Amino acid sequence: MRWIDTHCHLDAREFGLQAQEQRALAATNGVVHCVLPAISANNFEAVRTLAYQTGDSYCLGITPMNVPYAANDALSRLTAAVQAQHDDPRLVAIGEIGLDFFIPDLNKSPWRERQQDFFRSQLKLARAHDLPVVVHARRSADQILKALREVAGPGGHWHGVVHAFNGSFQQARAFIDLGLKLGFGGAVTFDRARQLRSLAVDLPLEAIVLETDAPDMPPHWLYKSAEQRAAGEPQGINSPAELPRIGMEVAALRGISPEALAEATTRNAFEAFPRLRALLMPEAQPD
């Protein structure tokens, strides 16, 4: 089985010097590729360097959580980096970008408006360079759909992924109709995540990709409750090596084999990020 982790922060400080060790462990579990999104202008070079070291791919973008800390020249630095690296085969998308209205302070002025300005600017950059997008959409699906439609124009479509999707079925269909895939990760492994688990079953198989969001979004077997943490049990650190087990849980929910899910989600990742096919299947490319 070949699995693709479409969202993994392998450069995070939680991994430190063990990033390549964790990536090697994932490879032994059948994870053939990881997509490494940037979160701010300060880690553009880190994700690119790591992608080359591990044979993976990367994205360039500024997350909504980093908007309050972004320097005034952050968007111009992003534009310059994308222009300089546009032809890099390992640059597969603009991301991680989006809107986060779950965090109370980010849902207030001036950060709510600044998030929207950053998001639209990054959507326009993706459009100008014909790159997919990796979208963070927490408590903001309708506003994100509005921006996607307006930037794409009438009849316009997108490539990319809505990361850690947790909206309604109707919102899911709207994203799918725009051409986007929906990312499922550790959150879907919790029994209490009933709506999310229903989505993982009811959505078309061709709309789903898998991700870990490592080191965040741990699956249930790594998660420690507040009481457990207070008692001294450390929170488990998620890693790309957990992706196959997450995939097996999604396959069980859908009543299909892990092999079928791995094949479908790999194909879906190729559709979300067209440059991945050339990286993973160079023999399939025209001379």
Foldseek 3Di string as FASTA:
>chain_A
DAAEAAEAQLVDVVCPPVSLVLLVLLVVLRHPEYEHEDAFLVCPVVNVVVCVVSVYAYAAEHELVCLVVHDPCGLVSSLVVCVVCVVPLRHFAHDDAEAAVPPPVCVDPPNVVSSVVRRLSSLLSCVVSVHAYEYEAHVNLVVVLVSNDVSQDPPGAGFAEDECDDDAPVSLVSNVVRPYAYEDEQVCQDPVSVRVLVCLQPPDLLRYAYHHNWQDNHHPVQADDPVRVVVPDDRGGIGSSCGLVRLCSSCVSNVHHSVVSRVSNVVSVCRRGVSVCCSVPVVPDDD
